Amino acid sequence: MQHLPPETWRWDAADIARAIRLGALSAKEATQDALARLAAVNPAINAVVDPLPDLALAAAEAADAARSRGEALGPLHGVPVTVKVNADMGGRATTNGVVAFKDAIAPEDSAVVGNLRKAGAIVIGRTNTPAFSWRWFTDNDLHGKTLNPWSAGHTPGGSSGGAGAAVAAGIGAVAHGNDIGGSVRYPAYACGVAGLRPSLGRIPAYNPGAKQERSLSAQILSTQGPLARRVRDLRLALEAMAAPDWRDPWQAPVPLEGPPLPRRVALCADPAGTGVHPAVAAAVRAAGEALERAGYVVEEAAPPGFAAVAADWDAFIHAEATVFMAEGFRSLADAKARAIFGVMGERDLPALPDYMRLLAARATHQRAWAAWMQERPLLVIPTSAEPPFPQGLDETDFARVIRAQQPLFPTVLLGLPSVSVPTGVAEGLPMGVQVVAPRWREDLALAAAEAIEAACPMPTPLDPR
């Protein structure tokens, strides 16, 4: 084994996988370095709440043995990763940030965790989430609060806040998350890393330990997705995570790449019409300029009915939450999460006839956006209308929080892929945008996000501040 530079925890997943494939690095070496980084910085941010050093080293040794036998290697072979505590991992508790679930041991791997491990990834730990994964802030009575490596006084996002903080601080090259209302994209934004919410049906989702079937909104709005410090690692993680799993009836075996489409981009700094912070508008402009320099045709244009689609997402998900989640929050959630859930339920929610009409209108919205994207296949919008929130803002001003998060919602209801990518730093906090593409065209969104990333490099991984 040749001499290697120190701190392989700084490397991209693609570089780690390539070095292991070529024999220049062992999976055990990469894992030991990642675990050392975890031990060094995790106490300051509480991103990983279930470290797995023994399991990770055993898996790394098995990965090295497989390579020595000449076995076929997966795209993430030997790469240290983290997974979220709301996804089943056989033999570990799927706590979902709830005290009552601290001993809810998963019987086997969830679909997405299984795919990561089959692709050769080494799970070094499991990351924090708010109770029931239901806030844009990551804090709960079981595991405590996760801090943003950029600023302890600002949220790392949620619900995949532990995932975003871990990747930003160099704990694993890739993090698993999931997104039903921005829970991959917002932590990526808040922590200055990249995050992918793929098309509905791209990555399988199934928790073997679940006691009941998910609500319809969870089935057709929630997706699994990766976070990473570089866009190219999102592409690698997507390949690994998207392997078929028959247990998810929504998954579709669609190729990861499609035919070329016009390199036209619509830029919209305030798609919901709520007003945006000047730094947010500047981030959208910076992304547009980067894409123009990369050869894209960029124009200012607003997608159809953005605010109406966001409102339908809100009504759909929260109407079902009052049926499927209310009792769990009342009896099991911590006080903060319970109070915030109560504020959500106080708003006007649709009666059954209106609920059925908004479900029917989903196809109308999808058709309108598909027609609009025939001319301009890519859309660049804010991730949030504000810079990352101060910690705990939703406890005092939930209306402000949900107003600012409007840009996250339409892609969820429509099932479209979206990449959150950083554009730089403003007043010490990360800024970024999201790039939206037609359904199944993650490849287009990732390519455009890489062009933005090339023009707006970020200093991650970073030491917690």
Protein backbone atom coordinates (compact mmCIF):
# COMPACT_ATOMS: atom_id res chain seq x y z
CA MET A 1 0.00 0.00 0.00
CA GLN A 2 1.56 3.32 -1.05
CA HIS A 3 1.90 6.30 1.30
CA LEU A 4 -1.23 8.43 1.30
CA PRO A 5 -1.88 12.02 2.23
CA PRO A 6 -3.60 12.35 5.61
CA GLU A 7 -7.22 13.27 6.20
CA THR A 8 -8.96 11.13 3.61
CA TRP A 9 -12.17 12.22 5.37
CA ARG A 10 -11.81 15.38 3.27
CA TRP A 11 -12.04 13.42 0.02
CA ASP A 12 -15.07 13.21 -2.21
CA ALA A 13 -16.90 9.90 -2.33
CA ALA A 14 -15.91 9.50 -5.97
CA ASP A 15 -12.21 9.83 -5.10
CA ILE A 16 -12.45 7.40 -2.18
CA ALA A 17 -14.25 4.81 -4.29
CA ARG A 18 -11.74 5.17 -7.13
CA ALA A 19 -8.73 4.89 -4.80
CA ILE A 20 -10.15 1.73 -3.21
CA ARG A 21 -10.95 0.25 -6.60
CA LEU A 22 -7.36 0.90 -7.74
CA GLY A 23 -5.83 -0.44 -4.53
CA ALA A 24 -4.35 2.92 -3.49
CA LEU A 25 -6.53 3.02 -0.37
CA SER A 26 -8.23 0.36 1.69
CA ALA A 27 -11.81 0.57 2.90
CA LYS A 28 -10.50 0.06 6.43
CA GLU A 29 -8.18 3.06 6.13
CA ALA A 30 -10.98 5.26 4.79
CA THR A 31 -13.30 4.08 7.55
CA GLN A 32 -10.77 4.58 10.33
CA ASP A 33 -10.13 8.13 9.14
CA ALA A 34 -13.87 8.88 8.93
CA LEU A 35 -14.44 7.48 12.42
CA ALA A 36 -11.58 9.59 13.78
CA ARG A 37 -13.18 12.68 12.24
CA LEU A 38 -16.52 11.71 13.76
CA ALA A 39 -14.95 11.37 17.20
CA ALA A 40 -13.17 14.71 16.82
CA VAL A 41 -16.03 16.97 15.73
CA ASN A 42 -19.34 15.26 16.46
CA PRO A 43 -19.38 16.24 20.15
CA ALA A 44 -19.52 19.89 19.05
CA ILE A 45 -22.52 19.50 16.71
CA ASN A 46 -24.37 16.30 17.72
CA ALA A 47 -25.04 15.29 14.12
CA VAL A 48 -24.46 11.53 14.53
CA VAL A 49 -26.50 10.16 17.44
CA ASP A 50 -25.78 6.46 16.86
CA PRO A 51 -22.07 5.99 16.04
CA LEU A 52 -21.24 2.54 14.68
CA PRO A 53 -17.46 2.10 14.90
CA ASP A 54 -17.40 -1.67 15.42
CA LEU A 55 -19.97 -2.40 12.72
CA ALA A 56 -18.26 0.01 10.34
CA LEU A 57 -14.80 -1.50 10.79
CA ALA A 58 -16.17 -5.03 10.34
CA ALA A 59 -17.94 -3.94 7.15
CA ALA A 60 -14.77 -2.25 5.90
CA GLU A 61 -12.72 -5.38 6.46
CA ALA A 62 -15.34 -7.38 4.57
CA ALA A 63 -15.20 -4.82 1.76
CA ASP A 64 -11.43 -5.17 1.52
CA ALA A 65 -11.72 -8.94 1.51
CA ALA A 66 -14.26 -8.78 -1.31
CA ARG A 67 -11.92 -6.62 -3.37
CA SER A 68 -9.00 -9.00 -2.76
CA ARG A 69 -11.13 -11.88 -4.04
CA GLY A 70 -11.79 -9.97 -7.25
CA GLU A 71 -15.52 -9.58 -6.66
CA ALA A 72 -17.55 -6.96 -8.52
CA LEU A 73 -17.48 -3.67 -6.64
CA GLY A 74 -20.45 -1.36 -6.23
CA PRO A 75 -20.33 2.39 -6.92
CA LEU A 76 -19.78 3.26 -3.23
CA HIS A 77 -17.52 0.34 -2.34
CA GLY A 78 -15.66 1.25 0.85
CA VAL A 79 -17.05 4.80 1.07
CA PRO A 80 -17.99 5.97 4.61
CA VAL A 81 -21.59 7.22 4.79
CA THR A 82 -24.25 8.06 7.36
CA VAL A 83 -27.93 7.14 7.40
CA LYS A 84 -30.83 8.86 9.13
CA VAL A 85 -32.41 7.40 12.28
CA ASN A 86 -35.85 7.26 10.65
CA ALA A 87 -34.74 4.57 8.16
CA ASP A 88 -34.56 0.96 9.33
CA MET A 89 -31.11 -0.54 9.70
CA GLY A 90 -31.23 -4.15 10.83
CA GLY A 91 -30.35 -4.52 14.51
CA ARG A 92 -30.47 -0.77 15.28
CA ALA A 93 -33.27 1.30 16.77
CA THR A 94 -35.33 3.35 14.32
CA THR A 95 -35.89 6.12 16.84
CA ASN A 96 -37.17 8.85 14.50
CA GLY A 97 -36.19 11.26 17.27
CA VAL A 98 -38.83 9.91 19.69
CA VAL A 99 -38.03 8.75 23.23
CA ALA A 100 -40.63 6.00 23.06
CA PHE A 101 -38.86 4.48 20.04
CA LYS A 102 -35.40 4.22 21.64
CA ASP A 103 -35.69 0.42 21.67
CA ALA A 104 -37.60 -0.01 18.39
CA ILE A 105 -35.06 -2.37 16.85
CA ALA A 106 -35.41 -2.81 13.10
CA PRO A 107 -35.75 -6.44 11.96
CA GLU A 108 -33.85 -5.77 8.72
CA ASP A 109 -32.62 -2.97 6.49
CA SER A 110 -34.99 -0.52 4.85
CA ALA A 111 -34.93 -0.48 1.07
CA VAL A 112 -32.63 2.53 0.81
CA VAL A 113 -30.21 1.45 3.55
CA GLY A 114 -30.04 -2.00 1.99
CA ASN A 115 -29.22 -0.46 -1.37
CA LEU A 116 -26.42 1.64 0.12
CA ARG A 117 -24.87 -1.37 1.82
CA LYS A 118 -25.23 -3.54 -1.29
CA ALA A 119 -23.41 -0.79 -3.22
CA GLY A 120 -20.49 -1.22 -0.82
CA ALA A 121 -21.06 1.84 1.37
CA ILE A 122 -19.77 1.64 4.95
CA VAL A 123 -22.31 3.03 7.43
CA ILE A 124 -20.29 4.79 10.15
CA GLY A 125 -23.24 6.21 12.06
CA ARG A 126 -26.87 7.29 12.10
CA THR A 127 -27.90 10.93 12.04
CA ASN A 128 -30.31 13.01 14.07
CA THR A 129 -33.80 14.17 13.12
CA PRO A 130 -36.58 16.05 14.95
CA ALA A 131 -39.38 14.04 16.54
CA PHE A 132 -41.27 12.18 13.83
CA SER A 133 -39.02 13.99 11.27
CA TRP A 134 -41.50 16.88 11.28
CA ARG A 135 -39.58 20.19 11.58
CA TRP A 136 -37.03 22.28 9.68
CA PHE A 137 -35.03 22.30 12.93
CA THR A 138 -33.32 19.25 14.41
CA ASP A 139 -33.94 18.87 18.13
CA ASN A 140 -35.66 16.23 20.26
CA ASP A 141 -35.79 14.95 23.83
CA LEU A 142 -34.09 11.65 22.98
CA HIS A 143 -30.98 12.76 21.13
CA GLY A 144 -30.83 16.49 21.80
CA LYS A 145 -30.17 19.39 19.43
CA THR A 146 -28.01 19.27 16.31
CA LEU A 147 -25.97 22.40 15.65
CA ASN A 148 -25.03 23.88 12.31
CA PRO A 149 -21.23 23.66 11.77
CA TRP A 150 -21.33 27.18 10.27
CA SER A 151 -23.10 28.76 13.24
CA ALA A 152 -24.40 27.13 16.40
CA GLY A 153 -27.10 29.80 16.60
CA HIS A 154 -28.68 28.82 13.28
CA THR A 155 -30.58 25.71 12.28
CA PRO A 156 -28.79 22.94 10.37
CA GLY A 157 -32.18 22.40 8.76
CA GLY A 158 -34.56 19.53 9.16
CA SER A 159 -35.63 16.98 9.15
CA SER A 160 -32.30 15.65 7.80
CA GLY A 161 -30.41 18.19 9.90
CA GLY A 162 -28.01 15.63 11.31
CA ALA A 163 -27.24 14.46 7.77
CA GLY A 164 -26.51 17.97 6.52
CA ALA A 165 -24.35 18.88 9.52
CA ALA A 166 -22.42 15.61 9.31
CA VAL A 167 -21.51 16.01 5.64
CA ALA A 168 -20.59 19.67 6.06
CA ALA A 169 -18.25 18.81 8.94
CA GLY A 170 -16.59 15.92 7.10
CA ILE A 171 -18.33 13.05 8.90
CA GLY A 172 -18.81 10.71 5.95
CA ALA A 173 -18.64 11.58 2.27
CA VAL A 174 -22.36 10.97 1.65
CA ALA A 175 -25.38 11.20 3.93
CA HIS A 176 -28.78 9.61 3.50
CA GLY A 177 -31.86 11.77 4.00
CA ASN A 178 -35.50 11.91 3.01
CA ASP A 179 -37.71 14.76 1.83
CA ILE A 180 -41.46 15.33 2.08
CA GLY A 181 -41.33 19.11 2.49
CA GLY A 182 -37.70 20.05 1.91
CA SER A 183 -36.05 17.70 4.41
CA VAL A 184 -33.08 16.99 2.12
CA ARG A 185 -32.88 20.29 0.28
CA TYR A 186 -33.26 22.62 3.24
CA PRO A 187 -30.53 20.99 5.41
CA ALA A 188 -28.25 21.03 2.35
CA TYR A 189 -28.97 24.75 1.96
CA ALA A 190 -28.52 25.54 5.66
CA CYS A 191 -25.24 23.57 5.88
CA GLY A 192 -23.66 24.68 2.59
CA VAL A 193 -23.67 21.29 0.87
CA ALA A 194 -25.54 19.71 -2.04
CA GLY A 195 -28.72 17.67 -1.73
CA LEU A 196 -30.92 15.80 -4.19
CA ARG A 197 -34.64 15.21 -3.93
CA PRO A 198 -35.19 12.76 -6.81
CA SER A 199 -38.34 12.09 -8.80
CA LEU A 200 -41.12 10.21 -7.06
CA GLY A 201 -40.42 6.53 -7.67
CA ARG A 202 -36.71 6.88 -8.33
CA ILE A 203 -35.40 5.50 -5.01
CA PRO A 204 -37.33 2.74 -3.19
CA ALA A 205 -38.70 3.41 0.28
CA TYR A 206 -39.86 0.74 2.71
CA ASN A 207 -39.28 0.27 6.44
CA PRO A 208 -39.78 -3.41 7.43
CA GLY A 209 -40.34 -2.39 11.04
CA ALA A 210 -43.26 -0.07 10.29
CA LYS A 211 -46.40 -0.92 12.28
CA GLN A 212 -48.84 0.45 9.68
CA GLU A 213 -48.89 1.53 6.05
CA ARG A 214 -47.89 5.12 5.34
CA SER A 215 -50.55 7.67 4.49
CA LEU A 216 -51.18 8.40 0.83
CA SER A 217 -49.42 11.76 1.13
CA ALA A 218 -46.32 10.05 2.53
CA GLN A 219 -46.41 7.46 -0.24
CA ILE A 220 -46.60 9.95 -3.12
CA LEU A 221 -44.79 12.97 -1.65
CA SER A 222 -41.87 11.57 0.34
CA THR A 223 -38.64 10.56 -1.38
CA GLN A 224 -35.29 9.26 -0.19
CA GLY A 225 -32.22 11.20 -1.31
CA PRO A 226 -28.51 11.87 -0.75
CA LEU A 227 -26.58 14.84 0.62
CA ALA A 228 -22.90 15.36 -0.21
CA ARG A 229 -20.28 18.07 -0.38
CA ARG A 230 -20.03 17.80 -4.17
CA VAL A 231 -22.66 17.34 -6.84
CA ARG A 232 -20.76 14.50 -8.49
CA ASP A 233 -21.14 12.51 -5.29
CA LEU A 234 -24.91 12.99 -5.46
CA ARG A 235 -24.81 11.33 -8.87
CA LEU A 236 -22.80 8.41 -7.48
CA ALA A 237 -25.09 8.04 -4.47
CA LEU A 238 -28.19 8.18 -6.68
CA GLU A 239 -26.86 5.27 -8.72
CA ALA A 240 -26.43 3.26 -5.54
CA MET A 241 -29.70 4.23 -3.85
CA ALA A 242 -31.91 3.71 -6.92
CA ALA A 243 -31.44 -0.06 -7.20
CA PRO A 244 -34.81 -1.84 -7.53
CA ASP A 245 -36.70 -3.14 -4.52
CA TRP A 246 -40.00 -4.95 -5.07
CA ARG A 247 -41.35 -3.83 -1.68
CA ASP A 248 -41.99 -0.28 -2.92
CA PRO A 249 -44.93 -0.28 -5.38
CA TRP A 250 -44.16 3.31 -6.43
CA GLN A 251 -40.64 2.63 -7.70
CA ALA A 252 -40.17 2.65 -11.46
CA PRO A 253 -37.05 1.30 -13.27
CA VAL A 254 -36.44 4.40 -15.40
CA PRO A 255 -32.90 4.98 -16.79
CA LEU A 256 -30.80 7.50 -14.87
CA GLU A 257 -29.99 9.45 -18.04
CA GLY A 258 -32.23 10.64 -20.85
CA PRO A 259 -31.90 12.29 -24.26
CA PRO A 260 -30.55 15.84 -24.62
CA LEU A 261 -33.03 18.67 -24.09
CA PRO A 262 -32.67 22.40 -24.83
CA ARG A 263 -30.16 24.04 -22.50
CA ARG A 264 -32.69 26.66 -21.46
CA VAL A 265 -33.15 27.80 -17.87
CA ALA A 266 -35.92 29.82 -16.25
CA LEU A 267 -34.76 32.03 -13.39
CA CYS A 268 -37.32 33.05 -10.78
CA ALA A 269 -36.16 34.75 -7.58
CA ASP A 270 -39.59 34.98 -5.93
CA PRO A 271 -41.79 32.22 -7.38
CA ALA A 272 -44.33 32.24 -4.54
CA GLY A 273 -44.68 36.03 -4.51
CA THR A 274 -44.01 36.26 -0.78
CA GLY A 275 -40.89 38.43 -1.04
CA VAL A 276 -37.34 37.18 -0.54
CA HIS A 277 -34.30 38.34 1.41
CA PRO A 278 -31.80 40.34 -0.71
CA ALA A 279 -29.15 37.64 -0.18
CA VAL A 280 -31.57 35.04 -1.55
CA ALA A 281 -32.26 37.10 -4.66
CA ALA A 282 -28.51 37.59 -5.10
CA ALA A 283 -27.98 33.81 -4.90
CA VAL A 284 -30.49 33.23 -7.70
CA ARG A 285 -28.77 35.88 -9.84
CA ALA A 286 -25.36 34.32 -9.17
CA ALA A 287 -26.66 30.91 -10.23
CA GLY A 288 -28.09 32.38 -13.43
CA GLU A 289 -24.80 34.07 -14.26
CA ALA A 290 -22.89 30.82 -13.66
CA LEU A 291 -25.22 28.96 -15.99
CA GLU A 292 -24.92 31.60 -18.70
CA ARG A 293 -21.13 31.32 -18.54
CA ALA A 294 -21.51 27.54 -18.86
CA GLY A 295 -23.47 27.93 -22.11
CA TYR A 296 -27.07 27.79 -20.91
CA VAL A 297 -29.70 30.19 -22.23
CA VAL A 298 -31.11 31.90 -19.14
CA GLU A 299 -34.30 33.94 -18.96
CA GLU A 300 -36.49 35.25 -16.18
CA ALA A 301 -39.78 33.35 -16.13
CA ALA A 302 -42.20 32.09 -13.50
CA PRO A 303 -43.69 28.57 -13.60
CA PRO A 304 -47.50 28.32 -13.70
CA GLY A 305 -49.52 28.52 -10.50
CA PHE A 306 -46.58 28.21 -8.12
CA ALA A 307 -48.39 29.56 -5.05
CA ALA A 308 -51.46 27.42 -5.75
CA VAL A 309 -49.36 24.25 -6.00
CA ALA A 310 -47.61 25.13 -2.73
CA ALA A 311 -50.98 25.67 -1.06
CA ASP A 312 -52.25 22.30 -2.28
CA TRP A 313 -49.14 20.58 -0.88
CA ASP A 314 -49.79 22.25 2.46
CA ALA A 315 -53.46 21.26 2.53
CA PHE A 316 -52.80 17.67 1.41
CA ILE A 317 -50.02 16.79 3.80
CA HIS A 318 -51.42 18.50 6.87
CA ALA A 319 -54.96 17.18 6.36
CA GLU A 320 -53.60 13.64 6.37
CA ALA A 321 -51.27 14.36 9.27
CA THR A 322 -54.25 15.17 11.47
CA VAL A 323 -55.51 11.61 10.83
CA PHE A 324 -52.29 9.59 10.69
CA MET A 325 -49.97 11.48 13.06
CA ALA A 326 -52.01 13.45 15.59
CA GLU A 327 -52.27 10.70 18.21
CA GLY A 328 -48.55 9.92 17.95
CA PHE A 329 -47.65 13.56 18.49
CA ARG A 330 -50.09 13.95 21.39
CA SER A 331 -48.87 10.88 23.24
CA LEU A 332 -45.23 10.43 22.20
CA ALA A 333 -43.63 13.62 20.82
CA ASP A 334 -41.58 16.02 22.89
CA ALA A 335 -43.22 19.26 24.02
CA LYS A 336 -41.69 21.46 21.32
CA ALA A 337 -42.68 19.16 18.48
CA ARG A 338 -46.14 18.70 19.97
CA ALA A 339 -46.70 22.44 20.18
CA ILE A 340 -45.58 23.04 16.59
CA PHE A 341 -47.77 20.22 15.32
CA GLY A 342 -50.65 21.86 17.16
CA VAL A 343 -50.02 25.17 15.37
CA MET A 344 -50.12 23.34 12.03
CA GLY A 345 -53.47 21.80 12.94
CA GLU A 346 -54.95 25.15 13.93
CA ARG A 347 -54.93 26.35 10.33
CA ASP A 348 -57.81 25.82 7.93
CA LEU A 349 -57.63 22.29 6.54
CA PRO A 350 -59.80 20.89 3.74
CA ALA A 351 -62.99 18.99 4.36
CA LEU A 352 -63.35 15.71 2.50
CA PRO A 353 -64.86 17.11 -0.74
CA ASP A 354 -62.16 19.79 -0.98
CA TYR A 355 -59.51 17.18 -0.17
CA MET A 356 -60.69 15.05 -3.09
CA ARG A 357 -60.70 18.08 -5.40
CA LEU A 358 -57.12 19.05 -4.52
CA LEU A 359 -55.98 15.47 -5.16
CA ALA A 360 -57.65 15.59 -8.57
CA ALA A 361 -56.07 19.00 -9.27
CA ARG A 362 -52.60 17.51 -8.79
CA ALA A 363 -52.76 16.11 -12.33
CA THR A 364 -53.80 19.53 -13.64
CA HIS A 365 -50.77 21.13 -12.01
CA GLN A 366 -48.47 18.38 -13.30
CA ARG A 367 -49.75 18.82 -16.83
CA ALA A 368 -49.34 22.61 -16.71
CA TRP A 369 -45.75 22.38 -15.48
CA ALA A 370 -44.87 19.65 -18.00
CA ALA A 371 -46.13 21.87 -20.82
CA TRP A 372 -44.24 24.90 -19.46
CA MET A 373 -41.00 22.89 -19.17
CA GLN A 374 -41.13 21.83 -22.81
CA GLU A 375 -39.54 25.19 -23.69
CA ARG A 376 -37.36 25.64 -20.61
CA PRO A 377 -36.54 22.26 -19.03
CA LEU A 378 -34.68 23.74 -16.06
CA LEU A 379 -35.91 26.10 -13.35
CA VAL A 380 -33.71 27.88 -10.80
CA ILE A 381 -35.48 29.16 -7.69
CA PRO A 382 -34.58 29.82 -4.04
CA THR A 383 -34.45 26.97 -1.60
CA SER A 384 -35.91 29.25 1.06
CA ALA A 385 -36.97 32.89 0.97
CA GLU A 386 -34.65 33.62 3.92
CA PRO A 387 -31.11 32.76 4.96
CA PRO A 388 -30.90 29.82 7.40
CA PHE A 389 -33.22 30.48 10.35
CA PRO A 390 -32.11 31.20 13.90
CA GLN A 391 -32.43 28.10 16.07
CA GLY A 392 -35.95 27.54 17.35
CA LEU A 393 -37.68 30.16 15.19
CA ASP A 394 -40.62 27.86 14.50
CA GLU A 395 -41.38 27.83 18.24
CA THR A 396 -42.05 31.57 18.22
CA ASP A 397 -43.02 32.44 14.63
CA PHE A 398 -44.18 29.40 12.69
CA ALA A 399 -46.05 31.60 10.21
CA ARG A 400 -42.80 33.28 9.17
CA VAL A 401 -41.07 29.91 8.78
CA ILE A 402 -43.70 28.29 6.58
CA ARG A 403 -44.02 31.45 4.48
CA ALA A 404 -40.29 31.41 3.79
CA GLN A 405 -40.35 27.70 2.91
CA GLN A 406 -42.87 28.04 0.07
CA PRO A 407 -40.22 27.41 -2.66
CA LEU A 408 -39.71 23.88 -1.32
CA PHE A 409 -43.28 22.61 -1.73
CA PRO A 410 -44.37 22.53 -5.41
CA THR A 411 -41.73 20.04 -6.56
CA VAL A 412 -42.92 17.69 -3.81
CA LEU A 413 -46.55 17.73 -4.92
CA LEU A 414 -45.54 17.43 -8.59
CA GLY A 415 -43.01 14.62 -8.09
CA LEU A 416 -40.19 16.55 -9.81
CA PRO A 417 -36.46 16.20 -9.10
CA SER A 418 -34.67 19.11 -7.49
CA VAL A 419 -31.04 19.71 -6.51
CA SER A 420 -30.10 22.12 -3.73
CA VAL A 421 -26.66 23.57 -4.49
CA PRO A 422 -24.63 26.23 -2.65
CA THR A 423 -23.86 29.59 -4.25
CA GLY A 424 -21.55 31.03 -1.60
CA VAL A 425 -21.67 32.67 1.82
CA ALA A 426 -23.55 35.78 3.00
CA GLU A 427 -22.80 37.25 6.42
CA GLY A 428 -21.17 34.02 7.53
CA LEU A 429 -24.03 31.73 6.50
CA PRO A 430 -24.33 29.47 3.44
CA MET A 431 -26.56 30.52 0.56
CA GLY A 432 -27.83 28.49 -2.35
CA VAL A 433 -30.57 27.71 -4.85
CA GLN A 434 -32.49 24.72 -6.09
CA VAL A 435 -32.44 23.49 -9.67
CA VAL A 436 -35.67 21.81 -10.80
CA ALA A 437 -35.95 19.50 -13.83
CA PRO A 438 -38.70 17.46 -15.52
CA ARG A 439 -39.65 14.16 -13.95
CA TRP A 440 -36.97 11.46 -14.24
CA ARG A 441 -34.37 14.01 -15.43
CA GLU A 442 -32.15 14.18 -12.37
CA ASP A 443 -29.27 14.10 -14.86
CA LEU A 444 -30.24 17.54 -16.20
CA ALA A 445 -30.61 19.06 -12.75
CA LEU A 446 -27.30 17.58 -11.58
CA ALA A 447 -25.43 18.85 -14.65
CA ALA A 448 -26.74 22.38 -14.15
CA ALA A 449 -25.99 22.21 -10.41
CA GLU A 450 -22.40 21.21 -11.23
CA ALA A 451 -22.04 24.30 -13.41
CA ILE A 452 -23.23 26.46 -10.50
CA GLU A 453 -20.94 24.63 -8.08
CA ALA A 454 -17.92 25.18 -10.33
CA ALA A 455 -18.50 28.94 -10.22
CA CYS A 456 -19.34 29.03 -6.50
CA PRO A 457 -16.96 26.71 -4.60
CA MET A 458 -17.64 26.19 -0.88
CA PRO A 459 -15.07 25.66 1.90
CA THR A 460 -16.44 22.33 3.08
CA PRO A 461 -15.69 20.22 4.97
CA LEU A 462 -15.23 22.71 7.78
CA ASP A 463 -14.56 22.64 11.51
CA PRO A 464 -17.59 23.56 13.63
CA ARG A 465 -17.65 27.26 14.52
